Amino acid sequence: MTVLSPDTVLSILSAPNTVIAVVGATDNQRKFGYAIYRDLKRKGYKAYAVNPNRTSVDGDPAYPDLARLHGKPDLVNFVVPPEVTLSVLKQCLDLGLKNVWLQPGAESPEVLEFLSAHGFNYLVNTCIMVESRIKRLT
């Protein structure tokens, strides 16, 4: 099992031109996918909105899945229920996207087992908005 350490996560967040795919990005202001997507963009990250139920998020194109992105993200951030997380993780595996961040609530025992069994680098139960803010302040 490989779990991204805070130092590794911060190094991904501080790398130049970091690209983050936000699975569950939305324009619904009551959802974390709304706040996280905008927060990452405001901090200067290149962010891809991934949501099969939207054509755009915050004026940007929204992609129905990771395979349709115009480029490979450095990190895939999940802001969706665990059953959706598991489905998208299978796509990550097929695409060779092994650095993933699960926001609180996106994980389950099955998700954690899948991550471990397939050699993902991952972080769970911590918020990317908080960690990226800390990194941007240092």
Protein backbone atom coordinates (compact mmCIF):
# COMPACT_ATOMS: atom_id res chain seq x y z
CA MET A 1 0.00 0.00 0.00
CA THR A 2 1.31 3.45 -0.93
CA VAL A 3 -0.19 6.46 0.77
CA LEU A 4 0.95 9.87 -0.35
CA SER A 5 2.77 11.51 2.50
CA PRO A 6 2.01 15.15 3.23
CA ASP A 7 5.44 16.05 1.82
CA THR A 8 4.74 14.19 -1.43
CA VAL A 9 1.31 15.80 -1.72
CA LEU A 10 2.74 19.22 -1.08
CA SER A 11 5.43 18.61 -3.66
CA ILE A 12 2.76 17.76 -6.27
CA LEU A 13 0.82 20.86 -5.24
CA SER A 14 3.92 23.05 -5.46
CA ALA A 15 5.26 21.72 -8.77
CA PRO A 16 5.18 24.23 -11.62
CA ASN A 17 2.16 23.90 -13.89
CA THR A 18 0.43 21.31 -11.70
CA VAL A 19 -2.72 19.98 -13.37
CA ILE A 20 -5.55 18.67 -11.20
CA ALA A 21 -8.67 16.90 -12.44
CA VAL A 22 -11.61 17.49 -10.09
CA VAL A 23 -14.07 14.61 -10.35
CA GLY A 24 -17.37 16.02 -9.18
CA ALA A 25 -16.71 19.67 -10.08
CA THR A 26 -19.99 21.53 -10.32
CA ASP A 27 -21.71 24.91 -10.44
CA ASN A 28 -23.99 23.89 -7.56
CA GLN A 29 -22.90 26.28 -4.80
CA ARG A 30 -24.11 23.89 -2.10
CA LYS A 31 -21.59 21.20 -3.05
CA PHE A 32 -17.89 20.89 -2.24
CA GLY A 33 -17.16 20.28 -5.92
CA TYR A 34 -18.11 23.93 -6.47
CA ALA A 35 -15.78 25.34 -3.81
CA ILE A 36 -12.84 23.04 -4.52
CA TYR A 37 -12.77 23.62 -8.28
CA ARG A 38 -12.85 27.39 -7.92
CA ASP A 39 -10.38 27.42 -5.05
CA LEU A 40 -7.78 25.47 -7.02
CA LYS A 41 -8.17 27.75 -10.04
CA ARG A 42 -7.91 30.86 -7.85
CA LYS A 43 -4.63 29.51 -6.46
CA GLY A 44 -3.24 29.20 -9.99
CA TYR A 45 -3.65 25.49 -10.66
CA LYS A 46 -4.72 24.23 -14.06
CA ALA A 47 -7.93 22.42 -13.20
CA TYR A 48 -10.10 20.14 -15.31
CA ALA A 49 -13.76 19.77 -14.37
CA VAL A 50 -14.90 16.15 -14.67
CA ASN A 51 -18.65 15.65 -14.42
CA PRO A 52 -20.77 13.64 -16.89
CA ASN A 53 -23.85 15.67 -15.91
CA ARG A 54 -22.44 19.08 -16.91
CA THR A 55 -21.13 20.65 -20.10
CA SER A 56 -19.33 23.44 -18.24
CA VAL A 57 -18.23 24.45 -14.76
CA ASP A 58 -17.31 28.02 -13.88
CA GLY A 59 -17.32 28.86 -17.59
CA ASP A 60 -14.82 26.08 -18.38
CA PRO A 61 -15.58 22.93 -20.36
CA ALA A 62 -16.63 19.98 -18.23
CA TYR A 63 -15.51 16.55 -19.36
CA PRO A 64 -17.71 13.46 -18.97
CA ASP A 65 -14.74 11.31 -17.97
CA LEU A 66 -10.97 11.34 -17.54
CA ALA A 67 -10.30 9.76 -20.94
CA ARG A 68 -11.59 12.88 -22.69
CA LEU A 69 -9.33 15.38 -20.96
CA HIS A 70 -6.97 17.42 -23.14
CA GLY A 71 -3.86 16.34 -21.26
CA LYS A 72 -2.88 14.13 -18.37
CA PRO A 73 -3.47 15.49 -14.87
CA ASP A 74 -0.78 15.21 -12.21
CA LEU A 75 -3.43 14.52 -9.59
CA VAL A 76 -7.05 13.36 -9.64
CA ASN A 77 -9.17 14.81 -6.84
CA PHE A 78 -12.44 13.05 -5.96
CA VAL A 79 -15.46 14.95 -4.62
CA VAL A 80 -18.07 12.24 -5.28
CA PRO A 81 -19.74 9.38 -3.40
CA PRO A 82 -17.68 6.19 -2.91
CA GLU A 83 -19.50 4.18 -5.58
CA VAL A 84 -18.63 6.84 -8.18
CA THR A 85 -15.08 7.02 -6.83
CA LEU A 86 -14.62 3.28 -7.38
CA SER A 87 -15.89 3.48 -10.94
CA VAL A 88 -13.61 6.41 -11.82
CA LEU A 89 -10.64 4.75 -10.10
CA LYS A 90 -10.97 1.88 -12.56
CA GLN A 91 -10.64 4.43 -15.36
CA CYS A 92 -7.63 5.99 -13.60
CA LEU A 93 -5.99 2.58 -13.56
CA ASP A 94 -6.61 2.10 -17.28
CA LEU A 95 -5.18 5.56 -18.03
CA GLY A 96 -2.14 5.22 -15.77
CA LEU A 97 -3.29 7.98 -13.41
CA LYS A 98 -1.95 6.76 -10.07
CA ASN A 99 -1.89 9.96 -7.95
CA VAL A 100 -5.31 10.44 -6.37
CA TRP A 101 -6.77 12.50 -3.56
CA LEU A 102 -10.08 11.49 -1.98
CA GLN A 103 -11.94 14.26 -0.24
CA PRO A 104 -13.72 13.24 2.98
CA GLY A 105 -16.74 11.14 2.06
CA ALA A 106 -15.34 9.86 -1.26
CA GLU A 107 -13.83 6.76 0.33
CA SER A 108 -15.18 3.41 1.50
CA PRO A 109 -13.56 0.14 2.56
CA GLU A 110 -13.95 -1.11 -1.04
CA VAL A 111 -12.30 2.03 -2.44
CA LEU A 112 -9.39 1.77 -0.02
CA GLU A 113 -8.94 -1.91 -0.87
CA PHE A 114 -8.91 -1.10 -4.60
CA LEU A 115 -6.34 1.66 -4.11
CA SER A 116 -4.07 -0.61 -2.10
CA ALA A 117 -4.45 -3.61 -4.40
CA HIS A 118 -3.54 -1.59 -7.49
CA GLY A 119 -0.58 0.41 -6.20
CA PHE A 120 -2.10 3.88 -6.24
CA ASN A 121 -0.47 6.82 -4.50
CA TYR A 122 -3.33 8.28 -2.50
CA LEU A 123 -4.44 10.54 0.26
CA VAL A 124 -7.81 10.31 2.01
CA ASN A 125 -9.81 12.29 4.54
CA THR A 126 -8.03 15.60 4.20
CA CYS A 127 -9.12 18.61 2.20
CA ILE A 128 -7.10 19.77 -0.78
CA MET A 129 -8.26 23.36 -0.18
CA VAL A 130 -6.62 23.36 3.25
CA GLU A 131 -3.40 21.62 2.16
CA SER A 132 -2.99 23.80 -0.94
CA ARG A 133 -3.54 26.93 1.15
CA ILE A 134 -0.85 25.85 3.59
CA LYS A 135 1.53 25.14 0.71
CA ARG A 136 0.81 28.48 -0.95
CA LEU A 137 1.53 30.30 2.34
CA THR A 138 4.98 28.72 2.77
